[in-house]
């Protein structure tokens, strides 16, 4: 339970000081105690600090105790008020009871009575606070459940040409609209993506709760419709209106209210009016997804009109060019290809939501194929670029380019890292092969044939990894093994030569001396200490 606050209101300073000294504040969890010399001063302190416990005199200048009790009674305060008076007067006592005073104690104040009254007041406040919290939580849960219920019910109507009588009855009971009549419906849509990222830091539930409250204040107040969350979409709010004459006016009011709240541009797409909810929804959706996001009229309602479908840009058509850039491992080459793609997209195509969705689908296909080609099967967390809006909510092609470029840059880094690891693994296998077969007549060509790699590639990558040529690395292993064998006095030098891969004893001795600085016999003598 939180720390509590109290206020002592009395025009006599010694009375305030007496209560301050006599009360066992800490015992009751009261940490902040305020003072006021009359009701007028007390009101401002109470409104600012909202103390849980109020001690007040009845006979005070300006605003007296009775007026203060009336004010507290009419306010939304949950405080417990204890009247402290020097008058054993029935009129005062009756007013104290009438206006919800918790108790009435007389001056001079006795410490035991003061603390016993304070203890009961604190206990009673805590009990009621627990009940209030429980009630608020229950109401919140009920409202959330109710909201989810209606969201699902209305979402279910978006793809149905037929509405059951049961559903019509439920809607009529809740929203006072008779769907059994030949109603004309109009659906409008808008996306919460921009607001979600800029105002709510990605908190989807808070975004929907806040925005739907704003929208439904307008539709339900005018009894013209209802706004709800499309349960099948991540960010879509649906405005269902059943008053054809109010469609534009209501949408304009909602748009203005949302823009005043968010200071962002809100794009609302209005569908074709129809007697079928599914038809008006799909026309609204078509209006939204085909609208040119580069249009200068983003701040206006997007009204439905019969249009022919615009051609769409297909990222898959550029797969070979992109693949060539990715295989090169060069971000500069990749950017050169992407610059051409972005210029083509901007000059020859309409940049709509439909176009963005297609781009995103194609990119996922390309990425999946390239990951498979590079044998990358582990689950990776990818950057998802989706912030295409300026601070005012207007669509930005520059931001679109930046987000998509980030996705491609991440992909080339993943593929290059996988390629490097694969190459590193191959070179490590070659090193292991050399170490196990140092006693055989190993050649670079034999290694190249065995591992299906070019001699030039093996030479370059091996030196990068082990800072030695393959020949020098093999020689170093053979000489180290020869040193170990020379410690055995029973082995002849020619025998050791054969054991470490040299068929010619003289050549072995020459290599050994060049590497160690001693002949094999000199090394043996030095090592034995003879």
Protein backbone atom coordinates (compact mmCIF):
# COMPACT_ATOMS: atom_id res chain seq x y z
CA UNK A 1 0.00 0.00 0.00
CA UNK A 2 1.27 3.48 -0.82
CA UNK A 3 2.34 6.03 1.80
CA UNK A 4 -0.54 8.20 3.03
CA UNK A 5 -0.94 11.96 3.43
CA UNK A 6 -2.89 14.05 5.91
CA UNK A 7 -3.89 17.70 6.39
CA UNK A 8 -4.72 19.59 9.60
CA UNK A 9 -7.08 22.57 9.16
CA UNK A 10 -7.57 24.95 12.08
CA UNK A 11 -7.28 28.71 12.53
CA UNK A 12 -5.46 28.21 15.83
CA UNK A 13 -1.80 27.37 15.34
CA UNK A 14 -1.39 25.67 18.74
CA UNK A 15 -4.20 23.24 17.88
CA UNK A 16 -2.48 22.31 14.60
CA UNK A 17 0.83 21.86 16.45
CA UNK A 18 -0.90 19.76 19.14
CA UNK A 19 -2.38 17.31 16.59
CA UNK A 20 0.97 17.24 14.77
CA UNK A 21 2.77 16.17 17.98
CA UNK A 22 0.14 13.81 19.42
CA UNK A 23 -0.70 11.71 16.36
CA UNK A 24 1.40 8.56 15.72
CA UNK A 25 1.81 9.28 12.00
CA UNK A 26 4.54 6.75 11.21
CA UNK A 27 2.59 3.93 12.87
CA UNK A 28 -0.27 4.49 10.41
CA UNK A 29 1.94 4.92 7.33
CA UNK A 30 1.33 8.67 7.02
CA UNK A 31 4.47 10.37 5.71
CA UNK A 32 3.28 13.82 4.52
CA UNK A 33 1.33 16.19 6.80
CA UNK A 34 0.09 19.56 5.54
CA UNK A 35 -1.42 22.50 7.44
CA UNK A 36 -4.04 25.14 6.59
CA UNK A 37 -5.50 27.96 8.70
CA UNK A 38 -8.94 27.98 7.05
CA UNK A 39 -11.13 26.20 4.52
CA UNK A 40 -10.12 28.39 1.58
CA UNK A 41 -6.41 27.67 2.02
CA UNK A 42 -7.23 24.01 2.64
CA UNK A 43 -9.08 23.60 -0.67
CA UNK A 44 -6.04 24.43 -2.81
CA UNK A 45 -3.79 22.12 -0.76
CA UNK A 46 -6.32 19.29 -0.89
CA UNK A 47 -6.73 19.59 -4.67
CA UNK A 48 -2.96 19.56 -5.19
CA UNK A 49 -1.97 16.77 -2.79
CA UNK A 50 -5.26 14.83 -2.33
CA UNK A 51 -4.60 13.69 1.27
CA UNK A 52 -6.26 10.52 2.50
CA UNK A 53 -6.92 11.90 6.02
CA UNK A 54 -8.38 15.38 6.75
CA UNK A 55 -8.57 16.90 10.24
CA UNK A 56 -10.73 20.04 10.24
CA UNK A 57 -12.11 22.54 12.73
CA UNK A 58 -15.70 23.72 12.27
CA UNK A 59 -15.54 27.39 13.31
CA UNK A 60 -13.05 29.14 10.98
CA UNK A 61 -12.90 32.46 9.08
CA UNK A 62 -13.68 32.79 5.35
CA UNK A 63 -14.68 29.18 4.50
CA UNK A 64 -15.72 27.39 7.70
CA UNK A 65 -15.84 23.67 8.47
CA UNK A 66 -19.41 23.16 7.27
CA UNK A 67 -18.71 24.72 3.86
CA UNK A 68 -15.50 22.71 3.56
CA UNK A 69 -17.36 19.48 4.39
CA UNK A 70 -19.95 20.28 1.70
CA UNK A 71 -17.17 20.88 -0.82
CA UNK A 72 -15.39 17.62 0.07
CA UNK A 73 -18.70 15.73 -0.09
CA UNK A 74 -19.44 17.01 -3.62
CA UNK A 75 -15.93 16.40 -4.93
CA UNK A 76 -14.47 13.11 -6.14
CA UNK A 77 -12.22 12.83 -3.08
CA UNK A 78 -12.01 9.54 -1.21
CA UNK A 79 -10.54 11.13 1.94
CA UNK A 80 -11.63 10.33 5.48
CA UNK A 81 -12.58 13.56 7.30
CA UNK A 82 -12.28 13.85 11.11
CA UNK A 83 -13.93 16.94 12.63
CA UNK A 84 -12.08 18.45 15.60
CA UNK A 85 -14.21 21.06 17.39
CA UNK A 86 -14.37 22.91 20.68
CA UNK A 87 -18.14 22.95 20.44
CA UNK A 88 -20.26 20.06 21.65
CA UNK A 89 -23.02 21.33 19.42
CA UNK A 90 -25.68 19.11 17.87
CA UNK A 91 -25.98 21.38 14.80
CA UNK A 92 -22.26 21.00 14.05
CA UNK A 93 -22.43 17.26 14.68
CA UNK A 94 -25.48 16.85 12.46
CA UNK A 95 -23.77 18.68 9.57
CA UNK A 96 -20.63 16.64 10.06
CA UNK A 97 -22.64 13.41 9.76
CA UNK A 98 -24.73 14.74 6.84
CA UNK A 99 -21.65 15.56 4.78
CA UNK A 100 -19.85 12.30 5.34
CA UNK A 101 -17.48 13.07 8.20
CA UNK A 102 -15.83 9.91 9.46
CA UNK A 103 -15.85 10.97 13.12
CA UNK A 104 -16.21 13.97 15.45
CA UNK A 105 -13.81 14.55 18.38
CA UNK A 106 -13.80 17.40 20.88
CA UNK A 107 -11.12 19.77 22.09
CA UNK A 108 -9.06 19.59 24.20
CA UNK A 109 -7.78 16.58 22.31
CA UNK A 110 -6.92 13.45 24.22
CA UNK A 111 -4.02 11.49 22.65
CA UNK A 112 -5.68 8.08 23.04
CA UNK A 113 -8.93 9.19 21.40
CA UNK A 114 -7.02 10.97 18.60
CA UNK A 115 -4.91 7.93 17.68
CA UNK A 116 -7.77 5.47 18.09
CA UNK A 117 -9.88 7.58 15.68
CA UNK A 118 -6.97 7.98 13.28
CA UNK A 119 -6.35 4.20 13.31
CA UNK A 120 -9.98 3.48 12.41
CA UNK A 121 -10.00 6.14 9.69
CA UNK A 122 -6.85 4.73 8.05
CA UNK A 123 -8.15 1.16 8.26
CA UNK A 124 -11.48 2.19 6.74
CA UNK A 125 -9.76 4.14 3.94
CA UNK A 126 -7.56 1.15 3.07
CA UNK A 127 -10.54 -1.22 2.95
CA UNK A 128 -12.44 1.09 0.63
CA UNK A 129 -9.31 1.66 -1.50
CA UNK A 130 -9.00 -2.10 -1.99
CA UNK A 131 -12.65 -2.30 -3.02
CA UNK A 132 -12.22 0.63 -5.43
CA UNK A 133 -9.16 -0.96 -7.03
CA UNK A 134 -10.97 -4.28 -7.37
CA UNK A 135 -14.01 -2.57 -8.87
CA UNK A 136 -11.87 -0.56 -11.29
CA UNK A 137 -10.00 -3.69 -12.36
CA UNK A 138 -13.26 -5.57 -12.88
CA UNK A 139 -14.71 -2.69 -14.91
CA UNK A 140 -11.52 -2.48 -16.95
CA UNK A 141 -11.57 -6.21 -17.63
CA UNK A 142 -15.26 -6.11 -18.55
CA UNK A 143 -14.78 -3.14 -20.88
CA UNK A 144 -11.78 -4.78 -22.54
CA UNK A 145 -13.69 -8.03 -22.99
CA UNK A 146 -16.68 -6.13 -24.35
CA UNK A 147 -14.48 -4.23 -26.79
CA UNK A 148 -12.82 -7.44 -28.01
CA UNK A 149 -16.25 -9.05 -28.42
CA UNK A 150 -17.58 -6.25 -30.66
CA UNK A 151 -14.31 -6.08 -32.61
CA UNK A 152 -14.64 -9.78 -33.45
CA UNK A 153 -18.34 -9.56 -34.20
CA UNK A 154 -17.99 -6.63 -36.63
CA UNK A 155 -14.82 -8.08 -38.16
CA UNK A 156 -16.83 -11.20 -38.98
CA UNK A 157 -19.23 -9.08 -41.06
CA UNK A 158 -16.51 -7.72 -43.35
CA UNK A 159 -16.43 -10.85 -45.51
CA UNK A 160 -20.08 -11.86 -45.29
CA UNK A 161 -22.88 -10.86 -47.63
CA UNK A 162 -25.46 -12.22 -45.18
CA UNK A 163 -26.00 -11.06 -41.57
CA UNK A 164 -27.91 -13.43 -39.27
CA UNK A 165 -30.97 -12.22 -37.36
CA UNK A 166 -29.18 -13.04 -34.11
CA UNK A 167 -26.31 -10.67 -34.96
CA UNK A 168 -28.74 -8.00 -36.17
CA UNK A 169 -30.56 -8.23 -32.85
CA UNK A 170 -27.39 -7.85 -30.83
CA UNK A 171 -26.29 -4.81 -32.86
CA UNK A 172 -29.73 -3.24 -32.57
CA UNK A 173 -29.75 -3.68 -28.79
CA UNK A 174 -26.29 -2.16 -28.36
CA UNK A 175 -26.23 0.56 -31.06
CA UNK A 176 -29.94 1.26 -31.68
CA UNK A 177 -29.67 0.62 -35.43
CA UNK A 178 -32.17 -1.65 -37.19
CA UNK A 179 -30.24 -3.80 -39.69
CA UNK A 180 -33.42 -5.56 -40.76
CA UNK A 181 -34.26 -2.47 -42.81
CA UNK A 182 -32.65 -1.91 -46.21
CA UNK A 183 -29.81 0.12 -44.77
CA UNK A 184 -27.08 1.76 -46.81
CA UNK A 185 -23.64 1.30 -45.25
CA UNK A 186 -20.34 3.03 -45.85
CA UNK A 187 -17.04 1.79 -44.49
CA UNK A 188 -13.89 3.87 -44.12
CA UNK A 189 -10.45 2.63 -43.13
CA UNK A 190 -7.21 4.00 -41.77
CA UNK A 191 -3.95 2.52 -40.56
CA UNK A 192 -2.44 2.99 -37.09
CA UNK A 193 1.15 2.21 -38.20
CA UNK A 194 2.38 5.79 -38.18
CA UNK A 195 0.73 6.68 -34.84
CA UNK A 196 1.85 3.40 -33.28
CA UNK A 197 5.51 4.10 -33.93
CA UNK A 198 5.53 7.86 -33.37
CA UNK A 199 3.14 8.26 -30.42
CA UNK A 200 2.82 4.91 -28.68
CA UNK A 201 6.36 3.49 -29.02
CA UNK A 202 4.98 0.32 -30.62
CA UNK A 203 2.36 -0.34 -27.89
CA UNK A 204 -0.40 -1.68 -30.17
CA UNK A 205 -3.04 -2.22 -27.47
CA UNK A 206 -2.70 1.30 -26.06
CA UNK A 207 -2.82 2.75 -29.57
CA UNK A 208 -6.06 0.93 -30.45
CA UNK A 209 -7.67 1.75 -27.09
CA UNK A 210 -6.88 5.47 -27.33
CA UNK A 211 -7.75 5.98 -31.00
CA UNK A 212 -10.99 3.98 -30.87
CA UNK A 213 -12.15 6.07 -27.91
CA UNK A 214 -11.60 9.24 -29.94
CA UNK A 215 -13.40 7.82 -32.99
CA UNK A 216 -16.36 6.36 -31.12
CA UNK A 217 -16.94 9.58 -29.18
CA UNK A 218 -17.89 11.06 -32.56
CA UNK A 219 -19.83 8.16 -34.13
CA UNK A 220 -21.75 7.06 -31.04
CA UNK A 221 -22.55 10.63 -29.98
CA UNK A 222 -24.21 11.22 -33.34
CA UNK A 223 -25.58 7.64 -33.47
CA UNK A 224 -24.30 7.43 -37.03
CA UNK A 225 -22.11 4.35 -36.76
CA UNK A 226 -19.37 2.54 -34.87
CA UNK A 227 -15.60 2.28 -35.08
CA UNK A 228 -13.80 -1.01 -34.40
CA UNK A 229 -10.53 -2.82 -34.75
CA UNK A 230 -10.19 -5.27 -37.62
CA UNK A 231 -9.19 -8.37 -35.63
CA UNK A 232 -7.59 -9.90 -38.73
CA UNK A 233 -5.16 -7.00 -39.29
CA UNK A 234 -2.29 -5.64 -37.21
CA UNK A 235 -3.04 -1.96 -37.63
CA UNK A 236 -6.45 -1.38 -39.27
CA UNK A 237 -9.34 0.60 -37.80
CA UNK A 238 -12.75 0.36 -39.51
CA UNK A 239 -15.40 3.11 -39.44
CA UNK A 240 -18.85 1.65 -40.18
CA UNK A 241 -21.47 4.33 -40.88
CA UNK A 242 -25.18 3.76 -41.51
CA UNK A 243 -26.23 7.34 -42.18
CA UNK A 244 -25.38 7.97 -45.83
CA UNK A 245 -25.81 11.75 -45.57
CA UNK A 246 -23.27 12.03 -42.74
CA UNK A 247 -20.45 9.97 -44.31
CA UNK A 248 -18.15 12.81 -45.38
CA UNK A 249 -18.95 15.00 -42.36
CA UNK A 250 -18.31 12.23 -39.81
CA UNK A 251 -15.10 11.12 -41.49
CA UNK A 252 -13.89 14.72 -41.58
CA UNK A 253 -14.66 15.10 -37.85
CA UNK A 254 -12.77 11.88 -37.05
CA UNK A 255 -9.85 12.93 -39.22
CA UNK A 256 -9.68 16.37 -37.59
CA UNK A 257 -9.95 14.93 -34.06
CA UNK A 258 -7.17 12.41 -34.72
CA UNK A 259 -4.92 15.03 -36.30
CA UNK A 260 -5.48 17.41 -33.39
CA UNK A 261 -4.61 14.61 -30.98
CA UNK A 262 -1.60 13.22 -32.83
CA UNK A 263 -0.35 16.17 -34.91
CA UNK A 264 0.07 13.62 -37.71
CA UNK A 265 -1.42 13.36 -41.18
CA UNK A 266 -4.17 10.71 -41.10
CA UNK A 267 -5.15 9.03 -44.38
CA UNK A 268 -8.77 7.81 -44.31
CA UNK A 269 -10.03 5.80 -47.31
CA UNK A 270 -13.81 5.84 -47.87
CA UNK A 271 -15.49 2.92 -49.61
CA UNK A 272 -18.49 2.76 -51.91
CA UNK A 273 -21.88 3.02 -50.17
CA UNK A 274 -23.73 -0.30 -50.37
CA UNK A 275 -26.49 -2.35 -48.76
CA UNK A 276 -23.86 -5.04 -48.15
CA UNK A 277 -21.15 -4.45 -45.54
CA UNK A 278 -18.68 -6.77 -47.28
CA UNK A 279 -18.92 -4.81 -50.54
CA UNK A 280 -18.36 -1.40 -48.96
CA UNK A 281 -15.45 -2.83 -46.93
CA UNK A 282 -13.64 -4.28 -49.94
CA UNK A 283 -14.08 -1.08 -51.93
CA UNK A 284 -12.65 0.89 -49.01
CA UNK A 285 -9.74 -1.55 -48.82
CA UNK A 286 -9.13 -1.25 -52.56
CA UNK A 287 -9.25 2.54 -52.26
CA UNK A 288 -6.67 2.43 -49.46
CA UNK A 289 -4.18 -0.03 -50.97
CA UNK A 290 -4.17 1.47 -54.49
CA UNK A 291 -3.86 5.12 -53.43
CA UNK A 292 -0.63 6.81 -54.57
CA UNK A 293 1.30 7.52 -51.37
CA UNK A 294 3.38 10.09 -53.25
CA UNK A 295 0.26 12.19 -53.88
CA UNK A 296 0.25 15.76 -52.57
CA UNK A 297 -3.35 15.26 -51.36
CA UNK A 298 -2.51 12.95 -48.45
CA UNK A 299 -4.24 15.35 -46.07
CA UNK A 300 -7.66 14.89 -47.72
CA UNK A 301 -10.21 12.09 -47.44
CA UNK A 302 -9.52 9.41 -50.08
CA UNK A 303 -12.91 8.84 -51.67
CA UNK A 304 -13.79 5.70 -53.63
CA UNK A 305 -13.84 5.94 -57.40
CA UNK A 306 -13.91 3.38 -60.17
CA UNK A 307 -10.32 3.00 -61.43
CA UNK A 308 -8.32 0.53 -63.47
CA UNK A 309 -5.51 -1.28 -61.70
CA UNK A 310 -2.06 0.31 -62.11
CA UNK A 311 0.87 -1.91 -63.17
CA UNK A 312 3.04 -3.11 -60.28
CA UNK A 313 6.81 -3.24 -60.01
CA UNK A 314 8.18 -6.79 -59.53
CA UNK A 315 11.38 -7.06 -57.53
CA UNK A 316 11.76 -10.67 -58.69
CA UNK A 317 12.48 -9.39 -62.20
CA UNK A 318 15.80 -8.07 -60.89
CA UNK A 319 16.81 -11.26 -59.10
CA UNK A 320 19.86 -12.00 -61.28
CA UNK A 321 21.29 -8.49 -60.99
CA UNK A 322 20.80 -8.47 -57.22
CA UNK A 323 22.27 -11.95 -56.90
CA UNK A 324 25.38 -10.89 -58.79
CA UNK A 325 25.84 -7.96 -56.39
CA UNK A 326 25.26 -10.17 -53.33
CA UNK A 327 27.74 -12.79 -54.52
CA UNK A 328 30.38 -10.12 -55.05
CA UNK A 329 30.12 -9.22 -51.35
CA UNK A 330 30.36 -5.55 -52.29
CA UNK A 331 27.87 -3.17 -50.68
CA UNK A 332 28.85 -0.51 -53.25
CA UNK A 333 27.88 -2.82 -56.13
CA UNK A 334 24.65 -3.73 -54.36
CA UNK A 335 23.80 -0.04 -53.83
CA UNK A 336 24.46 0.64 -57.50
CA UNK A 337 21.87 -2.03 -58.47
CA UNK A 338 19.40 -0.75 -55.84
CA UNK A 339 19.74 2.86 -56.99
CA UNK A 340 18.64 1.80 -60.46
CA UNK A 341 15.71 -0.15 -59.03
CA UNK A 342 14.54 2.75 -56.84
CA UNK A 343 14.77 5.22 -59.73
CA UNK A 344 12.73 2.89 -61.93
CA UNK A 345 10.13 2.42 -59.20
CA UNK A 346 9.73 6.16 -58.65
CA UNK A 347 9.60 7.19 -62.30
CA UNK A 348 7.43 4.46 -63.82
CA UNK A 349 5.16 3.16 -61.05
CA UNK A 350 2.59 4.28 -58.48
CA UNK A 351 3.93 3.78 -54.99
CA UNK A 352 0.89 2.44 -53.13
CA UNK A 353 0.39 0.15 -50.13
CA UNK A 354 -0.30 -2.59 -52.67
CA UNK A 355 3.10 -1.94 -54.25
CA UNK A 356 4.85 -1.92 -50.87
CA UNK A 357 3.18 -5.21 -49.86
CA UNK A 358 4.29 -6.81 -53.16
CA UNK A 359 7.87 -5.56 -52.69
CA UNK A 360 7.95 -6.96 -49.15
CA UNK A 361 6.59 -10.34 -50.30
CA UNK A 362 9.15 -10.56 -53.12
CA UNK A 363 12.00 -9.61 -50.82
CA UNK A 364 11.02 -12.37 -48.38
CA UNK A 365 11.02 -14.90 -51.25
CA UNK A 366 14.44 -13.75 -52.47
CA UNK A 367 15.91 -13.79 -48.98
CA UNK A 368 14.53 -17.26 -48.28
CA UNK A 369 16.02 -18.63 -51.52
CA UNK A 370 19.43 -17.05 -50.96
CA UNK A 371 19.61 -18.26 -47.35
CA UNK A 372 18.80 -21.76 -48.60
CA UNK A 373 21.47 -21.52 -51.29
CA UNK A 374 24.06 -20.58 -48.67
CA UNK A 375 22.87 -23.44 -46.41
CA UNK A 376 21.78 -21.05 -43.66
CA UNK A 377 19.11 -22.99 -41.83
CA UNK A 378 19.28 -21.51 -38.33
CA UNK A 379 16.56 -19.10 -37.20
CA UNK A 380 17.68 -15.48 -37.60
CA UNK A 381 16.09 -12.25 -36.42
CA UNK A 382 15.87 -9.93 -39.43
CA UNK A 383 15.56 -6.16 -39.55
CA UNK A 384 12.05 -5.25 -40.74
CA UNK A 385 12.03 -1.79 -42.28
CA UNK A 386 8.57 -0.27 -41.99
CA UNK A 387 8.99 3.35 -40.89
CA UNK A 388 8.11 5.21 -44.09
CA UNK A 389 6.66 8.34 -42.50
CA UNK A 390 7.98 11.80 -41.69
CA UNK A 391 7.41 13.33 -38.25
CA UNK A 392 4.14 14.85 -39.51
CA UNK A 393 2.87 11.46 -40.70
CA UNK A 394 3.37 12.13 -44.42
CA UNK A 395 4.72 9.24 -46.50
CA UNK A 396 8.40 9.62 -47.38
CA UNK A 397 9.93 7.87 -50.41
CA UNK A 398 13.37 8.76 -49.02
CA UNK A 399 12.58 6.82 -45.84
CA UNK A 400 11.20 3.93 -47.87
CA UNK A 401 14.50 3.73 -49.76
CA UNK A 402 16.47 3.92 -46.51
CA UNK A 403 14.46 1.12 -44.87
CA UNK A 404 14.66 -1.20 -47.88
CA UNK A 405 18.38 -0.53 -48.31
CA UNK A 406 18.94 -1.51 -44.66
CA UNK A 407 17.21 -4.85 -45.30
CA UNK A 408 19.43 -5.58 -48.30
CA UNK A 409 22.59 -4.49 -46.45
CA UNK A 410 21.74 -6.84 -43.60
CA UNK A 411 21.22 -9.67 -46.08
CA UNK A 412 24.57 -9.18 -47.84
CA UNK A 413 26.30 -9.13 -44.44
CA UNK A 414 24.60 -12.39 -43.43
CA UNK A 415 25.53 -14.07 -46.73
CA UNK A 416 29.12 -12.81 -46.63
CA UNK A 417 29.50 -14.05 -43.04
CA UNK A 418 28.11 -17.46 -44.04
CA UNK A 419 30.39 -17.61 -47.08
CA UNK A 420 33.38 -16.70 -44.93
CA UNK A 421 32.51 -19.34 -42.35
CA UNK A 422 32.06 -21.93 -45.09
CA UNK A 423 35.41 -21.01 -46.63
CA UNK A 424 37.03 -20.98 -43.21
CA UNK A 425 35.59 -24.41 -42.51
CA UNK A 426 37.00 -25.73 -45.82
CA UNK A 427 40.47 -24.35 -45.05
CA UNK A 428 40.31 -25.81 -41.54
CA UNK A 429 39.48 -29.22 -43.07
CA UNK A 430 42.50 -28.87 -45.37
CA UNK A 431 44.72 -28.01 -42.39
CA UNK A 432 43.42 -31.08 -40.53
CA UNK A 433 44.08 -33.24 -43.61
CA UNK A 434 47.67 -31.97 -43.83
CA UNK A 435 48.27 -32.63 -40.13
CA UNK A 436 46.98 -36.21 -40.41
CA UNK A 437 48.82 -37.02 -43.65
CA UNK A 438 52.11 -35.16 -43.25
CA UNK A 439 54.01 -38.46 -43.73
CA UNK A 440 52.61 -38.88 -47.24
CA UNK A 441 53.69 -37.22 -50.46
CA UNK A 442 51.10 -34.39 -50.37
CA UNK A 443 50.91 -31.88 -53.22
CA UNK A 444 48.82 -28.74 -53.63
CA UNK A 445 47.17 -30.23 -56.70
CA UNK A 446 46.17 -33.34 -54.76
CA UNK A 447 44.57 -31.13 -52.07
CA UNK A 448 42.76 -29.07 -54.72
CA UNK A 449 41.36 -32.22 -56.35
CA UNK A 450 40.30 -33.71 -53.02
CA UNK A 451 38.45 -30.58 -51.81
CA UNK A 452 37.11 -29.38 -55.19
CA UNK A 453 38.80 -26.01 -54.87
CA UNK A 454 41.32 -24.25 -57.09
CA UNK A 455 45.02 -24.28 -56.17
CA UNK A 456 45.07 -20.48 -56.29
CA UNK A 457 42.08 -20.16 -53.96
CA UNK A 458 43.55 -22.66 -51.45
CA UNK A 459 46.92 -20.87 -51.47
CA UNK A 460 45.34 -17.46 -50.89
CA UNK A 461 42.80 -18.47 -48.20
CA UNK A 462 45.21 -20.81 -46.37
CA UNK A 463 47.76 -18.03 -46.00
CA UNK A 464 45.04 -15.63 -44.80
CA UNK A 465 43.95 -18.12 -42.13
CA UNK A 466 47.31 -19.58 -40.99
CA UNK A 467 49.79 -16.88 -42.12
CA UNK A 468 51.86 -19.53 -43.95
CA UNK A 469 51.87 -21.11 -47.39
CA UNK A 470 50.63 -24.71 -47.58
CA UNK A 471 54.19 -25.91 -48.34
CA UNK A 472 55.78 -24.06 -45.41
CA UNK A 473 52.99 -25.24 -43.06
CA UNK A 474 53.53 -28.88 -44.15
CA UNK A 475 57.30 -28.49 -43.74
CA UNK A 476 56.89 -27.06 -40.23
CA UNK A 477 54.73 -30.04 -39.17
CA UNK A 478 57.26 -32.53 -40.63
CA UNK A 479 60.23 -30.88 -38.93
CA UNK A 480 58.45 -30.83 -35.55
CA UNK A 481 57.64 -34.53 -35.90
CA UNK A 482 61.26 -35.20 -36.95
CA UNK A 483 62.54 -33.43 -33.82
CA UNK A 484 60.42 -35.76 -31.66
CA UNK A 485 61.71 -38.86 -33.52
CA UNK A 486 65.37 -37.75 -33.30
CA UNK A 487 65.14 -38.10 -29.52
CA UNK A 488 64.90 -41.87 -30.08
CA UNK A 489 68.57 -43.03 -30.45
CA UNK A 490 67.52 -46.32 -32.09
CA UNK A 491 66.03 -44.67 -35.20
CA UNK A 492 68.33 -43.94 -38.14
CA UNK A 493 68.10 -40.55 -39.85
CA UNK A 494 66.98 -42.15 -43.13
CA UNK A 495 64.20 -43.95 -41.21
CA UNK A 496 63.03 -40.67 -39.68
CA UNK A 497 63.17 -39.07 -43.13
CA UNK A 498 60.71 -41.67 -44.50
CA UNK A 499 58.45 -41.42 -41.42
CA UNK A 500 57.91 -37.66 -41.89
CA UNK A 501 57.27 -37.83 -45.63
CA UNK A 502 60.70 -37.37 -47.25
CA UNK A 503 61.87 -40.13 -49.60
CA UNK A 504 65.36 -38.66 -49.91
CA UNK A 505 67.51 -38.54 -46.77
CA UNK A 506 69.85 -35.84 -48.19
CA UNK A 507 66.91 -33.59 -49.11
CA UNK A 508 65.44 -34.12 -45.64
CA UNK A 509 68.74 -33.16 -43.99
CA UNK A 510 68.96 -30.06 -46.17
CA UNK A 511 65.42 -28.93 -45.28
CA UNK A 512 65.99 -29.73 -41.60
CA UNK A 513 69.18 -27.65 -41.41
CA UNK A 514 67.58 -24.75 -43.27
CA UNK A 515 64.67 -24.76 -40.83
CA UNK A 516 66.41 -25.57 -37.53
CA UNK A 517 69.96 -24.34 -38.23
CA UNK A 518 71.46 -27.75 -37.42
CA UNK A 519 71.75 -31.05 -39.24
CA UNK A 520 69.59 -33.88 -37.90
CA UNK A 521 72.66 -35.52 -36.26
CA UNK A 522 73.78 -32.21 -34.70
CA UNK A 523 70.29 -31.67 -33.31
CA UNK A 524 70.23 -35.25 -31.91
CA UNK A 525 73.62 -34.77 -30.21
CA UNK A 526 72.59 -31.42 -28.75
CA UNK A 527 69.26 -32.78 -27.54
CA UNK A 528 70.83 -35.83 -25.86
CA UNK A 529 73.38 -33.66 -24.03
CA UNK A 530 76.30 -35.89 -25.14
